[in-house]
Amino acid sequence: MSMPFHHPMQESQFDIFDWYPKFQACLQHFLDHGQHSKPVQAVAAFVNIRLPAQKGLAMASDGAAGSNRSSLSLQPSVIVVPYIRRLVATGFDSPAVLHGFFGDEWPQGIGAFHESERRNYLFASKSDNWLKVKNAYDMEDGQTIPFLRPLQNVTEKEIEAAETSWSEWLAVQDWMLGPRAPGAAGNADGV
């Protein structure tokens, strides 16, 4: 009998109100510091993903006279998941790189996204061929992924959690949910 997988953002101990300020700190770091640092720019260029400032978005405030608004309020909506996906799929999702992009709060602010994207990459790799996986990780505007690397620094715990989650996904595909779930009360098969 497999242990049920619980998404990190759905765990009972996950407090969205505690998480959100940490996420905002990661986003703020990315906009104000990360995207402007040479190491982050080098990684972004190598993995072919445009940083917000390269997309023509408003630059982070530099503390100029008369400007007391944060860059977060000046920036149009920036979504961090595409950056995390690209780092995972190219093997650049090390703690040092994530720290460079998202700052000190990254484990608490974007760590759950990172964990989920690592699992999603395992699922994508398991469920389809290389070309389709590559296409799934390509982005618009010429931001094709230049290469795919196997997931880096995988732990046994991570593989086991992915296996459990994969089994649950297969049950979803077969509509083996709720009263139809294996081992559920009322399941005539008693499985």
N, C-alpha and C. Protein backbone atom coordinates (compact mmCIF):
# COMPACT_ATOMS: atom_id res chain seq x y z
N MET A 1 0.85 -1.18 0.00
CA MET A 1 0.00 0.00 0.00
C MET A 1 0.89 1.24 0.00
N SER A 2 0.68 2.13 -0.93
CA SER A 2 1.53 3.31 -1.04
C SER A 2 1.07 4.41 -0.10
N MET A 3 2.06 5.19 0.35
CA MET A 3 1.75 6.36 1.16
C MET A 3 1.18 7.44 0.26
N PRO A 4 0.12 8.11 0.67
CA PRO A 4 -0.41 9.16 -0.19
C PRO A 4 0.57 10.33 -0.27
N PHE A 5 0.71 10.86 -1.47
CA PHE A 5 1.56 12.03 -1.67
C PHE A 5 0.75 13.27 -1.32
N HIS A 6 1.38 14.18 -0.64
CA HIS A 6 0.74 15.45 -0.32
C HIS A 6 1.58 16.56 -0.93
N HIS A 7 0.93 17.35 -1.76
CA HIS A 7 1.62 18.48 -2.38
C HIS A 7 2.11 19.40 -1.28
N PRO A 8 3.35 19.92 -1.39
CA PRO A 8 3.90 20.76 -0.33
C PRO A 8 3.04 21.98 -0.01
N MET A 9 2.31 22.49 -0.97
CA MET A 9 1.48 23.66 -0.72
C MET A 9 0.10 23.29 -0.22
N GLN A 10 -0.17 22.00 -0.04
CA GLN A 10 -1.45 21.57 0.48
C GLN A 10 -1.31 20.87 1.83
N GLU A 11 -0.11 20.80 2.33
CA GLU A 11 0.12 20.18 3.63
C GLU A 11 -0.57 20.98 4.72
N SER A 12 -1.00 20.30 5.76
CA SER A 12 -1.69 20.99 6.85
C SER A 12 -0.79 22.00 7.53
N GLN A 13 0.53 21.75 7.55
CA GLN A 13 1.44 22.70 8.19
C GLN A 13 1.81 23.86 7.28
N PHE A 14 1.39 23.83 6.02
CA PHE A 14 1.69 24.93 5.10
C PHE A 14 0.73 26.08 5.38
N ASP A 15 1.29 27.21 5.72
CA ASP A 15 0.50 28.40 6.02
C ASP A 15 0.73 29.42 4.92
N ILE A 16 -0.28 29.61 4.08
CA ILE A 16 -0.13 30.50 2.94
C ILE A 16 0.17 31.93 3.38
N PHE A 17 -0.34 32.33 4.54
CA PHE A 17 -0.11 33.69 5.02
C PHE A 17 1.31 33.87 5.56
N ASP A 18 1.92 32.79 6.01
CA ASP A 18 3.32 32.82 6.42
C ASP A 18 4.23 32.76 5.19
N TRP A 19 3.81 31.97 4.19
CA TRP A 19 4.59 31.80 2.97
C TRP A 19 4.63 33.06 2.11
N TYR A 20 3.53 33.75 1.95
CA TYR A 20 3.43 34.82 0.97
C TYR A 20 4.47 35.93 1.15
N PRO A 21 4.73 36.43 2.36
CA PRO A 21 5.77 37.46 2.49
C PRO A 21 7.16 36.94 2.08
N LYS A 22 7.41 35.66 2.30
CA LYS A 22 8.70 35.08 1.89
C LYS A 22 8.78 34.98 0.37
N PHE A 23 7.66 34.61 -0.24
CA PHE A 23 7.60 34.59 -1.70
C PHE A 23 7.82 35.99 -2.26
N GLN A 24 7.16 36.98 -1.66
CA GLN A 24 7.33 38.37 -2.12
C GLN A 24 8.79 38.81 -1.97
N ALA A 25 9.45 38.38 -0.90
CA ALA A 25 10.87 38.72 -0.71
C ALA A 25 11.71 38.11 -1.83
N CYS A 26 11.39 36.88 -2.24
CA CYS A 26 12.11 36.24 -3.35
C CYS A 26 11.88 36.98 -4.65
N LEU A 27 10.64 37.34 -4.90
CA LEU A 27 10.32 38.07 -6.12
C LEU A 27 11.00 39.43 -6.12
N GLN A 28 10.97 40.10 -4.99
CA GLN A 28 11.61 41.41 -4.87
C GLN A 28 13.12 41.30 -5.10
N HIS A 29 13.74 40.27 -4.52
CA HIS A 29 15.18 40.06 -4.73
C HIS A 29 15.46 39.83 -6.21
N PHE A 30 14.65 38.98 -6.83
CA PHE A 30 14.84 38.69 -8.25
C PHE A 30 14.76 39.96 -9.10
N LEU A 31 13.76 40.78 -8.82
CA LEU A 31 13.57 42.00 -9.62
C LEU A 31 14.61 43.07 -9.33
N ASP A 32 14.96 43.24 -8.06
CA ASP A 32 15.88 44.33 -7.68
C ASP A 32 17.35 43.96 -7.80
N HIS A 33 17.68 42.70 -7.55
CA HIS A 33 19.09 42.32 -7.47
C HIS A 33 19.45 41.18 -8.42
N GLY A 34 18.74 40.05 -8.29
CA GLY A 34 19.10 38.85 -9.04
C GLY A 34 19.26 39.09 -10.52
N GLN A 35 18.24 39.62 -11.16
CA GLN A 35 18.30 39.78 -12.61
C GLN A 35 19.37 40.76 -13.08
N HIS A 36 19.87 41.60 -12.17
CA HIS A 36 20.88 42.58 -12.54
C HIS A 36 22.31 42.11 -12.23
N SER A 37 22.42 40.93 -11.61
CA SER A 37 23.76 40.43 -11.27
C SER A 37 24.35 39.68 -12.47
N LYS A 38 25.64 39.80 -12.63
CA LYS A 38 26.33 39.15 -13.75
C LYS A 38 26.18 37.63 -13.73
N PRO A 39 26.29 36.96 -12.55
CA PRO A 39 26.12 35.51 -12.56
C PRO A 39 24.73 35.07 -13.03
N VAL A 40 23.68 35.76 -12.58
CA VAL A 40 22.33 35.41 -13.01
C VAL A 40 22.16 35.70 -14.50
N GLN A 41 22.69 36.80 -14.97
CA GLN A 41 22.61 37.12 -16.39
C GLN A 41 23.34 36.07 -17.23
N ALA A 42 24.47 35.58 -16.73
CA ALA A 42 25.22 34.55 -17.45
C ALA A 42 24.42 33.25 -17.53
N VAL A 43 23.84 32.82 -16.40
CA VAL A 43 23.03 31.60 -16.41
C VAL A 43 21.84 31.77 -17.33
N ALA A 44 21.14 32.90 -17.23
CA ALA A 44 19.97 33.14 -18.08
C ALA A 44 20.34 33.10 -19.56
N ALA A 45 21.47 33.69 -19.92
CA ALA A 45 21.91 33.66 -21.31
C ALA A 45 22.23 32.23 -21.75
N PHE A 46 22.88 31.47 -20.89
CA PHE A 46 23.29 30.11 -21.23
C PHE A 46 22.08 29.19 -21.41
N VAL A 47 21.04 29.37 -20.59
CA VAL A 47 19.86 28.51 -20.68
C VAL A 47 18.76 29.15 -21.54
N ASN A 48 19.07 30.30 -22.15
CA ASN A 48 18.19 30.97 -23.13
C ASN A 48 16.83 31.35 -22.55
N ILE A 49 16.85 32.12 -21.49
CA ILE A 49 15.60 32.66 -20.94
C ILE A 49 15.81 34.14 -20.67
N ARG A 50 14.86 34.94 -21.10
CA ARG A 50 14.96 36.39 -20.92
C ARG A 50 14.58 36.77 -19.50
N LEU A 51 15.36 37.66 -18.95
CA LEU A 51 15.06 38.21 -17.63
C LEU A 51 14.04 39.34 -17.79
N PRO A 52 13.30 39.67 -16.73
CA PRO A 52 12.27 40.71 -16.86
C PRO A 52 12.78 42.01 -17.46
N ALA A 53 13.95 42.47 -17.06
CA ALA A 53 14.49 43.72 -17.60
C ALA A 53 14.77 43.62 -19.10
N GLN A 54 15.04 42.41 -19.58
CA GLN A 54 15.30 42.20 -21.00
C GLN A 54 14.01 42.15 -21.81
N LYS A 55 12.90 42.01 -21.12
CA LYS A 55 11.60 41.94 -21.79
C LYS A 55 10.97 43.32 -21.92
N GLY A 56 11.72 44.35 -21.57
CA GLY A 56 11.19 45.69 -21.70
C GLY A 56 10.33 46.12 -20.52
N LEU A 57 10.41 45.36 -19.43
CA LEU A 57 9.66 45.73 -18.24
C LEU A 57 10.35 46.88 -17.54
N ALA A 58 9.61 47.58 -16.73
CA ALA A 58 10.19 48.70 -15.98
C ALA A 58 11.34 48.20 -15.13
N MET A 59 12.42 48.95 -15.11
CA MET A 59 13.58 48.59 -14.31
C MET A 59 13.27 48.83 -12.83
N ALA A 60 13.96 48.09 -11.98
CA ALA A 60 13.79 48.25 -10.55
C ALA A 60 14.18 49.67 -10.14
N SER A 61 13.51 50.16 -9.13
CA SER A 61 13.84 51.51 -8.67
C SER A 61 15.27 51.52 -8.14
N ASP A 62 15.98 52.60 -8.44
CA ASP A 62 17.37 52.69 -8.01
C ASP A 62 17.52 53.69 -6.88
N GLY A 63 16.40 54.04 -6.26
CA GLY A 63 16.46 54.98 -5.15
C GLY A 63 16.61 56.42 -5.61
N ALA A 64 16.27 56.69 -6.86
CA ALA A 64 16.39 58.06 -7.38
C ALA A 64 15.47 58.99 -6.60
N ALA A 65 15.84 60.25 -6.55
CA ALA A 65 15.05 61.25 -5.83
C ALA A 65 13.62 61.24 -6.32
N GLY A 66 12.70 61.31 -5.38
CA GLY A 66 11.29 61.34 -5.72
C GLY A 66 10.69 59.97 -5.97
N SER A 67 11.50 58.94 -5.92
CA SER A 67 10.98 57.60 -6.15
C SER A 67 11.03 56.82 -4.85
N ASN A 68 9.87 56.59 -4.26
CA ASN A 68 9.83 55.81 -3.03
C ASN A 68 8.98 54.57 -3.21
N ARG A 69 8.56 54.29 -4.43
CA ARG A 69 7.79 53.07 -4.69
C ARG A 69 8.75 51.92 -4.90
N SER A 70 8.36 50.74 -4.45
CA SER A 70 9.22 49.57 -4.63
C SER A 70 9.14 49.11 -6.08
N SER A 71 10.15 48.38 -6.51
CA SER A 71 10.16 47.89 -7.89
C SER A 71 9.04 46.89 -8.10
N LEU A 72 8.59 46.23 -7.04
CA LEU A 72 7.51 45.27 -7.18
C LEU A 72 6.26 45.97 -7.69
N SER A 73 6.01 47.20 -7.23
CA SER A 73 4.84 47.92 -7.70
C SER A 73 5.05 48.51 -9.08
N LEU A 74 6.30 48.70 -9.51
CA LEU A 74 6.59 49.24 -10.83
C LEU A 74 6.58 48.16 -11.90
N GLN A 75 6.84 46.92 -11.53
CA GLN A 75 6.96 45.84 -12.48
C GLN A 75 5.58 45.29 -12.84
N PRO A 76 5.33 45.07 -14.13
CA PRO A 76 4.15 44.29 -14.47
C PRO A 76 4.31 42.90 -13.87
N SER A 77 3.28 42.14 -13.91
CA SER A 77 3.29 40.82 -13.31
C SER A 77 4.48 39.99 -13.82
N VAL A 78 5.27 39.49 -12.89
CA VAL A 78 6.39 38.60 -13.21
C VAL A 78 6.10 37.26 -12.56
N ILE A 79 6.17 36.22 -13.34
CA ILE A 79 5.91 34.87 -12.85
C ILE A 79 7.25 34.16 -12.73
N VAL A 80 7.52 33.57 -11.57
CA VAL A 80 8.82 32.94 -11.34
C VAL A 80 8.89 31.49 -11.81
N VAL A 81 7.76 30.82 -11.96
CA VAL A 81 7.78 29.40 -12.30
C VAL A 81 8.52 29.11 -13.61
N PRO A 82 8.37 29.90 -14.68
CA PRO A 82 9.15 29.59 -15.89
C PRO A 82 10.67 29.60 -15.64
N TYR A 83 11.14 30.46 -14.76
CA TYR A 83 12.57 30.49 -14.45
C TYR A 83 12.97 29.24 -13.68
N ILE A 84 12.14 28.83 -12.73
CA ILE A 84 12.43 27.62 -11.96
C ILE A 84 12.41 26.40 -12.88
N ARG A 85 11.41 26.32 -13.75
CA ARG A 85 11.33 25.20 -14.72
C ARG A 85 12.59 25.12 -15.57
N ARG A 86 13.04 26.26 -16.08
CA ARG A 86 14.21 26.27 -16.96
C ARG A 86 15.46 25.86 -16.19
N LEU A 87 15.59 26.32 -14.96
CA LEU A 87 16.76 25.94 -14.15
C LEU A 87 16.75 24.44 -13.86
N VAL A 88 15.58 23.89 -13.54
CA VAL A 88 15.48 22.46 -13.26
C VAL A 88 15.83 21.64 -14.50
N ALA A 89 15.22 21.97 -15.63
CA ALA A 89 15.39 21.16 -16.84
C ALA A 89 16.81 21.22 -17.41
N THR A 90 17.55 22.27 -17.08
CA THR A 90 18.93 22.39 -17.57
C THR A 90 19.96 22.01 -16.52
N GLY A 91 19.50 21.61 -15.34
CA GLY A 91 20.42 21.20 -14.28
C GLY A 91 21.06 22.36 -13.54
N PHE A 92 20.50 23.54 -13.67
CA PHE A 92 21.04 24.72 -12.99
C PHE A 92 20.21 25.09 -11.76
N ASP A 93 19.57 24.13 -11.15
CA ASP A 93 18.72 24.43 -9.98
C ASP A 93 19.43 24.14 -8.66
N SER A 94 20.71 24.37 -8.61
CA SER A 94 21.46 24.16 -7.36
C SER A 94 21.07 25.24 -6.36
N PRO A 95 21.26 24.98 -5.07
CA PRO A 95 20.97 26.01 -4.06
C PRO A 95 21.69 27.33 -4.32
N ALA A 96 22.94 27.27 -4.78
CA ALA A 96 23.69 28.51 -5.04
C ALA A 96 23.04 29.33 -6.15
N VAL A 97 22.62 28.67 -7.22
CA VAL A 97 21.98 29.40 -8.32
C VAL A 97 20.63 29.94 -7.89
N LEU A 98 19.84 29.13 -7.19
CA LEU A 98 18.54 29.60 -6.71
C LEU A 98 18.71 30.78 -5.76
N HIS A 99 19.74 30.74 -4.93
CA HIS A 99 20.03 31.87 -4.05
C HIS A 99 20.37 33.12 -4.86
N GLY A 100 21.16 32.96 -5.91
CA GLY A 100 21.50 34.10 -6.76
C GLY A 100 20.29 34.73 -7.42
N PHE A 101 19.38 33.89 -7.88
CA PHE A 101 18.17 34.40 -8.52
C PHE A 101 17.20 34.99 -7.49
N PHE A 102 16.97 34.28 -6.38
CA PHE A 102 15.83 34.59 -5.51
C PHE A 102 16.19 35.01 -4.09
N GLY A 103 17.45 35.00 -3.72
CA GLY A 103 17.87 35.52 -2.43
C GLY A 103 17.81 34.53 -1.28
N ASP A 104 18.04 35.07 -0.08
CA ASP A 104 18.15 34.26 1.13
C ASP A 104 16.88 33.48 1.47
N GLU A 105 15.73 34.00 1.12
CA GLU A 105 14.46 33.38 1.49
C GLU A 105 14.02 32.29 0.50
N TRP A 106 14.86 31.94 -0.47
CA TRP A 106 14.39 31.04 -1.52
C TRP A 106 13.85 29.71 -0.99
N PRO A 107 14.45 29.07 0.03
CA PRO A 107 13.87 27.79 0.45
C PRO A 107 12.42 27.91 0.93
N GLN A 108 12.12 29.01 1.64
CA GLN A 108 10.77 29.20 2.15
C GLN A 108 9.86 29.89 1.13
N GLY A 109 10.42 30.71 0.26
CA GLY A 109 9.61 31.49 -0.67
C GLY A 109 9.28 30.78 -1.97
N ILE A 110 10.27 30.12 -2.58
CA ILE A 110 10.02 29.43 -3.85
C ILE A 110 10.40 27.95 -3.76
N GLY A 111 10.78 27.49 -2.58
CA GLY A 111 11.20 26.10 -2.40
C GLY A 111 10.14 25.09 -2.78
N ALA A 112 8.87 25.36 -2.44
CA ALA A 112 7.80 24.44 -2.80
C ALA A 112 7.60 24.38 -4.31
N PHE A 113 7.74 25.52 -4.99
CA PHE A 113 7.67 25.52 -6.46
C PHE A 113 8.82 24.70 -7.03
N HIS A 114 10.00 24.87 -6.47
CA HIS A 114 11.18 24.14 -6.93
C HIS A 114 10.95 22.63 -6.79
N GLU A 115 10.47 22.23 -5.63
CA GLU A 115 10.20 20.81 -5.39
C GLU A 115 9.17 20.27 -6.38
N SER A 116 8.11 21.02 -6.60
CA SER A 116 7.07 20.60 -7.54
C SER A 116 7.59 20.52 -8.97
N GLU A 117 8.40 21.49 -9.36
CA GLU A 117 8.93 21.48 -10.72
C GLU A 117 9.93 20.35 -10.94
N ARG A 118 10.66 19.97 -9.91
CA ARG A 118 11.54 18.81 -10.03
C ARG A 118 10.70 17.55 -10.26
N ARG A 119 9.61 17.42 -9.52
CA ARG A 119 8.73 16.28 -9.69
C ARG A 119 8.07 16.32 -11.08
N ASN A 120 7.62 17.50 -11.50
CA ASN A 120 7.02 17.63 -12.83
C ASN A 120 8.00 17.22 -13.93
N TYR A 121 9.27 17.58 -13.75
CA TYR A 121 10.28 17.22 -14.75
C TYR A 121 10.47 15.70 -14.78
N LEU A 122 10.47 15.07 -13.62
CA LEU A 122 10.54 13.60 -13.59
C LEU A 122 9.34 13.01 -14.32
N PHE A 123 8.15 13.54 -14.07
CA PHE A 123 6.94 13.04 -14.72
C PHE A 123 7.00 13.24 -16.23
N ALA A 124 7.42 14.43 -16.65
CA ALA A 124 7.52 14.70 -18.09
C ALA A 124 8.48 13.73 -18.75
N SER A 125 9.61 13.49 -18.10
CA SER A 125 10.62 12.58 -18.65
C SER A 125 10.11 11.15 -18.72
N LYS A 126 9.31 10.77 -17.74
CA LYS A 126 8.79 9.40 -17.70
C LYS A 126 7.65 9.21 -18.70
N SER A 127 6.88 10.25 -18.94
CA SER A 127 5.65 10.09 -19.70
C SER A 127 5.80 10.29 -21.21
N ASP A 128 6.93 10.83 -21.66
CA ASP A 128 7.04 11.09 -23.09
C ASP A 128 8.48 11.02 -23.57
N ASN A 129 8.66 11.13 -24.88
CA ASN A 129 10.00 11.04 -25.46
C ASN A 129 10.73 12.38 -25.33
N TRP A 130 12.02 12.34 -25.63
CA TRP A 130 12.88 13.51 -25.45
C TRP A 130 12.35 14.73 -26.21
N LEU A 131 11.96 14.56 -27.45
CA LEU A 131 11.53 15.69 -28.27
C LEU A 131 10.29 16.36 -27.69
N LYS A 132 9.33 15.56 -27.24
CA LYS A 132 8.12 16.14 -26.66
C LYS A 132 8.42 16.81 -25.32
N VAL A 133 9.32 16.24 -24.55
CA VAL A 133 9.71 16.89 -23.29
C VAL A 133 10.40 18.22 -23.60
N LYS A 134 11.31 18.20 -24.56
CA LYS A 134 11.99 19.44 -24.94
C LYS A 134 10.97 20.49 -25.38
N ASN A 135 10.02 20.10 -26.22
CA ASN A 135 8.99 21.04 -26.67
C ASN A 135 8.17 21.59 -25.51
N ALA A 136 7.91 20.76 -24.51
CA ALA A 136 7.15 21.21 -23.35
C ALA A 136 7.92 22.26 -22.55
N TYR A 137 9.25 22.23 -22.64
CA TYR A 137 10.07 23.18 -21.90
C TYR A 137 10.54 24.36 -22.75
N ASP A 138 10.20 24.36 -24.04
CA ASP A 138 10.46 25.53 -24.87
C ASP A 138 9.47 26.62 -24.49
N MET A 139 9.86 27.87 -24.73
CA MET A 139 9.00 29.01 -24.45
C MET A 139 8.88 29.85 -25.72
N GLU A 140 7.94 30.76 -25.71
CA GLU A 140 7.72 31.62 -26.88
C GLU A 140 8.86 32.60 -27.07
N ASP A 141 8.80 33.33 -28.15
CA ASP A 141 9.76 34.38 -28.48
C ASP A 141 11.20 33.87 -28.60
N GLY A 142 11.36 32.68 -29.15
CA GLY A 142 12.71 32.16 -29.38
C GLY A 142 13.42 31.64 -28.15
N GLN A 143 12.71 31.51 -27.04
CA GLN A 143 13.34 31.04 -25.81
C GLN A 143 13.28 29.51 -25.73
N THR A 144 13.79 28.87 -26.77
CA THR A 144 13.82 27.41 -26.78
C THR A 144 14.88 26.94 -25.79
N ILE A 145 14.61 25.82 -25.19
CA ILE A 145 15.57 25.27 -24.23
C ILE A 145 16.73 24.68 -25.02
N PRO A 146 17.96 25.09 -24.74
CA PRO A 146 19.09 24.65 -25.56
C PRO A 146 19.50 23.20 -25.31
N PHE A 147 19.17 22.67 -24.15
CA PHE A 147 19.54 21.29 -23.80
C PHE A 147 18.72 20.87 -22.60
N LEU A 148 18.59 19.56 -22.43
CA LEU A 148 17.96 18.98 -21.25
C LEU A 148 19.02 18.17 -20.52
N ARG A 149 19.00 18.24 -19.21
CA ARG A 149 19.91 17.42 -18.41
C ARG A 149 19.09 16.57 -17.46
N PRO A 150 19.57 15.39 -17.13
CA PRO A 150 18.89 14.61 -16.11
C PRO A 150 18.81 15.41 -14.81
N LEU A 151 17.79 15.16 -14.03
CA LEU A 151 17.63 15.84 -12.76
C LEU A 151 18.89 15.67 -11.92
N GLN A 152 19.37 16.75 -11.36
CA GLN A 152 20.63 16.75 -10.60
C GLN A 152 20.38 16.53 -9.11
N ASN A 153 21.31 15.87 -8.45
CA ASN A 153 21.30 15.69 -6.99
C ASN A 153 19.99 15.13 -6.46
N VAL A 154 19.50 14.09 -7.12
CA VAL A 154 18.24 13.47 -6.73
C VAL A 154 18.47 12.61 -5.49
N THR A 155 17.55 12.66 -4.56
CA THR A 155 17.63 11.83 -3.36
C THR A 155 16.66 10.66 -3.48
N GLU A 156 16.92 9.62 -2.72
CA GLU A 156 16.01 8.47 -2.69
C GLU A 156 14.62 8.90 -2.24
N LYS A 157 14.56 9.78 -1.26
CA LYS A 157 13.27 10.28 -0.75
C LYS A 157 12.50 10.98 -1.87
N GLU A 158 13.20 11.76 -2.67
CA GLU A 158 12.56 12.48 -3.78
C GLU A 158 12.02 11.50 -4.83
N ILE A 159 12.79 10.46 -5.13
CA ILE A 159 12.34 9.45 -6.10
C ILE A 159 11.13 8.70 -5.57
N GLU A 160 11.16 8.32 -4.29
CA GLU A 160 10.03 7.61 -3.70
C GLU A 160 8.77 8.47 -3.70
N ALA A 161 8.90 9.74 -3.37
CA ALA A 161 7.75 10.65 -3.39
C ALA A 161 7.20 10.78 -4.81
N ALA A 162 8.10 10.86 -5.79
CA ALA A 162 7.66 10.96 -7.18
C ALA A 162 6.96 9.67 -7.62
N GLU A 163 7.49 8.52 -7.21
CA GLU A 163 6.85 7.24 -7.57
C GLU A 163 5.44 7.16 -7.00
N THR A 164 5.29 7.56 -5.75
CA THR A 164 3.98 7.55 -5.12
C THR A 164 3.03 8.49 -5.84
N SER A 165 3.51 9.66 -6.12
CA SER A 165 2.70 10.64 -6.82
C SER A 165 2.35 10.17 -8.23
N TRP A 166 3.31 9.52 -8.90
CA TRP A 166 3.06 8.99 -10.24
C TRP A 166 1.95 7.95 -10.19
N SER A 167 1.99 7.07 -9.20
CA SER A 167 0.95 6.05 -9.06
C SER A 167 -0.41 6.70 -8.86
N GLU A 168 -0.43 7.77 -8.08
CA GLU A 168 -1.69 8.49 -7.87
C GLU A 168 -2.16 9.13 -9.17
N TRP A 169 -1.21 9.63 -9.97
CA TRP A 169 -1.58 10.23 -11.25
C TRP A 169 -2.18 9.17 -12.17
N LEU A 170 -1.60 7.98 -12.19
CA LEU A 170 -2.16 6.91 -13.01
C LEU A 170 -3.57 6.56 -12.56
N ALA A 171 -3.82 6.61 -11.26
CA ALA A 171 -5.17 6.37 -10.75
C ALA A 171 -6.13 7.46 -11.23
N VAL A 172 -5.66 8.69 -11.29
CA VAL A 172 -6.49 9.79 -11.81
C VAL A 172 -6.84 9.52 -13.27
N GLN A 173 -5.85 9.09 -14.05
CA GLN A 173 -6.11 8.81 -15.46
C GLN A 173 -7.15 7.70 -15.63
N ASP A 174 -7.18 6.76 -14.71
CA ASP A 174 -8.14 5.65 -14.77
C ASP A 174 -9.42 5.94 -13.98
N TRP A 175 -9.56 7.15 -13.49
CA TRP A 175 -10.71 7.59 -12.69
C TRP A 175 -10.87 6.75 -11.43
N MET A 176 -9.77 6.31 -10.89
CA MET A 176 -9.79 5.53 -9.65
C MET A 176 -9.67 6.50 -8.48
N LEU A 177 -10.72 7.29 -8.30
CA LEU A 177 -10.73 8.35 -7.29
C LEU A 177 -11.90 8.15 -6.35
N GLY A 178 -11.83 8.81 -5.20
CA GLY A 178 -12.94 8.79 -4.25
C GLY A 178 -13.39 7.38 -3.96
N PRO A 179 -14.66 7.07 -4.20
CA PRO A 179 -15.16 5.73 -3.89
C PRO A 179 -14.56 4.65 -4.80
N ARG A 180 -13.97 5.04 -5.91
CA ARG A 180 -13.34 4.08 -6.81
C ARG A 180 -11.86 3.85 -6.50
N ALA A 181 -11.31 4.61 -5.58
CA ALA A 181 -9.89 4.49 -5.25
C ALA A 181 -9.60 3.11 -4.67
N PRO A 182 -8.45 2.54 -5.04
CA PRO A 182 -8.08 1.24 -4.46
C PRO A 182 -8.07 1.33 -2.93
N GLY A 183 -8.75 0.38 -2.30
CA GLY A 183 -8.77 0.35 -0.84
C GLY A 183 -9.82 1.25 -0.22
N ALA A 184 -10.59 1.97 -1.04
CA ALA A 184 -11.62 2.87 -0.50
C ALA A 184 -12.81 2.06 -0.03
N ALA A 185 -13.44 2.53 1.04
CA ALA A 185 -14.65 1.88 1.53
C ALA A 185 -15.70 1.95 0.43
N GLY A 186 -16.36 0.85 0.19
CA GLY A 186 -17.38 0.83 -0.84
C GLY A 186 -16.87 0.38 -2.19
N ASN A 187 -15.56 0.17 -2.33
CA ASN A 187 -15.00 -0.32 -3.58
C ASN A 187 -15.30 -1.81 -3.64
N ALA A 188 -16.11 -2.21 -4.59
CA ALA A 188 -16.56 -3.59 -4.69
C ALA A 188 -15.40 -4.56 -4.90
N ASP A 189 -14.35 -4.10 -5.53
CA ASP A 189 -13.21 -4.97 -5.78
C ASP A 189 -12.39 -5.22 -4.52
N GLY A 190 -12.51 -4.34 -3.52
CA GLY A 190 -11.75 -4.48 -2.29
C GLY A 190 -10.27 -4.31 -2.47
N VAL A 191 -9.88 -3.72 -3.58
CA VAL A 191 -8.46 -3.54 -3.89
C VAL A 191 -7.87 -2.46 -3.04
